[in-house]
Amino acid sequence: MSMELERINQMIEQARDVITVRRVFGEPVERDGTIVIPAASVVGGAGGGGGDDGKGAIDTGGGFGVGARPVGAFVIRNGDVTWEPVVDRERQLVINAVIAGDALVLARLLFRGRH
């Protein structure tokens, strides 16, 4: 196997180690008979490539990235399991601003159409 292919395989293995279920579900926390299991949304991607410079030299490269954000937690209390979502206030503010902006544009278009 070529050196470049070995490096690509190594990068893929590192990405697999990072993007696992351990990144999605945190360690359970138990207090007073209640168990909380935190959960996150984890997204990853990888890319790589290589080329020949026309003189016999081959260059390769690659990389990967991972992003994660909390989404909620499973709560186990008295044998019942419930889901408690995380409320991302910043994201909600952005969504509300976009909706308000769209409503203003629509109102303006409707008002123009009547005159």
Protein backbone atom coordinates (compact mmCIF):
# COMPACT_ATOMS: atom_id res chain seq x y z
CA MET A 1 0.00 0.00 0.00
CA SER A 2 1.36 3.42 -0.88
CA MET A 3 2.33 5.96 1.75
CA GLU A 4 -0.47 8.31 0.60
CA LEU A 5 -3.11 5.59 0.91
CA GLU A 6 -1.87 4.74 4.39
CA ARG A 7 -2.22 8.38 5.45
CA ILE A 8 -5.76 8.53 4.05
CA ASN A 9 -6.72 5.33 5.88
CA GLN A 10 -5.21 6.71 9.08
CA MET A 11 -7.25 9.91 8.70
CA ILE A 12 -10.44 7.88 8.19
CA GLU A 13 -9.72 5.84 11.31
CA GLN A 14 -9.15 9.02 13.34
CA ALA A 15 -12.46 10.41 12.07
CA ARG A 16 -14.24 7.20 13.10
CA ASP A 17 -12.74 7.47 16.57
CA VAL A 18 -14.03 11.03 16.92
CA ILE A 19 -17.51 10.52 15.41
CA THR A 20 -18.89 7.85 17.73
CA VAL A 21 -21.96 7.31 19.87
CA ARG A 22 -19.85 8.40 22.86
CA ARG A 23 -19.93 11.90 21.36
CA VAL A 24 -23.73 11.78 21.05
CA PHE A 25 -24.67 10.44 24.49
CA GLY A 26 -22.77 11.69 27.52
CA GLU A 27 -22.10 9.78 30.70
CA PRO A 28 -25.29 9.19 32.72
CA VAL A 29 -25.60 11.24 35.91
CA GLU A 30 -27.56 9.81 38.84
CA ARG A 31 -28.87 11.88 41.73
CA ASP A 32 -31.62 11.06 44.21
CA GLY A 33 -32.86 8.12 42.12
CA THR A 34 -33.10 10.16 38.90
CA ILE A 35 -30.81 9.37 35.97
CA VAL A 36 -30.02 12.00 33.34
CA ILE A 37 -28.40 10.99 30.02
CA PRO A 38 -27.29 14.06 28.02
CA ALA A 39 -27.52 13.93 24.22
CA ALA A 40 -25.94 15.98 21.44
CA SER A 41 -26.21 16.37 17.70
CA VAL A 42 -22.86 15.44 16.16
CA VAL A 43 -21.97 16.11 12.53
CA GLY A 44 -18.72 15.26 10.84
CA GLY A 45 -17.20 15.35 7.43
CA ALA A 46 -13.96 14.47 5.74
CA GLY A 47 -12.26 15.11 2.48
CA GLY A 48 -9.03 14.37 0.74
CA GLY A 49 -7.33 14.43 -2.56
CA GLY A 50 -4.11 14.27 -4.42
CA GLY A 51 -2.50 15.00 -7.67
CA ASP A 52 0.54 14.65 -9.86
CA ASP A 53 2.50 17.81 -10.71
CA GLY A 54 3.40 16.42 -14.12
CA LYS A 55 7.02 15.87 -13.10
CA GLY A 56 6.46 12.68 -11.16
CA ALA A 57 5.85 14.24 -7.75
CA ILE A 58 2.61 13.27 -6.08
CA ASP A 59 1.01 15.50 -3.44
CA THR A 60 -1.84 14.45 -1.20
CA GLY A 61 -3.82 16.05 1.55
CA GLY A 62 -6.91 15.66 3.61
CA GLY A 63 -8.72 16.61 6.73
CA PHE A 64 -11.89 16.26 8.71
CA GLY A 65 -14.03 18.31 11.02
CA VAL A 66 -16.60 17.63 13.70
CA GLY A 67 -19.28 19.86 15.16
CA ALA A 68 -21.51 19.12 18.13
CA ARG A 69 -24.24 20.90 20.03
CA PRO A 70 -26.42 19.79 22.94
CA VAL A 71 -29.98 18.85 22.00
CA GLY A 72 -31.43 17.55 25.26
CA ALA A 73 -31.39 14.79 27.80
CA PHE A 74 -33.23 11.60 28.60
CA VAL A 75 -34.49 11.70 32.18
CA ILE A 76 -35.30 8.42 33.92
CA ARG A 77 -37.36 8.90 37.07
CA ASN A 78 -39.40 6.21 38.85
CA GLY A 79 -39.11 3.91 35.82
CA ASP A 80 -40.48 6.53 33.40
CA VAL A 81 -38.32 7.97 30.61
CA THR A 82 -38.92 11.51 29.39
CA TRP A 83 -37.11 13.70 26.86
CA GLU A 84 -36.10 17.21 27.92
CA PRO A 85 -35.04 19.25 24.88
CA VAL A 86 -32.46 22.02 25.10
CA VAL A 87 -33.90 25.41 24.27
CA ASP A 88 -31.34 27.28 22.17
CA ARG A 89 -32.44 30.86 22.77
CA GLU A 90 -29.93 32.36 20.34
CA ARG A 91 -31.12 30.08 17.53
CA GLN A 92 -34.74 30.86 18.37
CA LEU A 93 -34.02 34.60 18.22
CA VAL A 94 -32.49 34.22 14.75
CA ILE A 95 -35.48 32.19 13.55
CA ASN A 96 -37.90 34.78 14.97
CA ALA A 97 -35.97 37.62 13.29
CA VAL A 98 -36.10 35.85 9.92
CA ILE A 99 -39.83 35.22 10.26
CA ALA A 100 -40.47 38.85 11.26
CA GLY A 101 -38.37 40.09 8.33
CA ASP A 102 -40.24 37.84 5.90
CA ALA A 103 -43.58 39.05 7.29
CA LEU A 104 -42.55 42.69 6.78
CA VAL A 105 -41.48 42.03 3.18
CA LEU A 106 -44.74 40.20 2.49
CA ALA A 107 -46.81 43.00 4.05
CA ARG A 108 -44.97 45.57 1.95
CA LEU A 109 -45.54 43.57 -1.25
CA LEU A 110 -49.24 43.19 -0.44
CA PHE A 111 -49.58 46.89 0.39
CA ARG A 112 -47.88 47.90 -2.88
CA GLY A 113 -50.16 45.60 -4.84
CA ARG A 114 -53.29 47.37 -3.56
CA HIS A 115 -52.15 50.88 -4.58
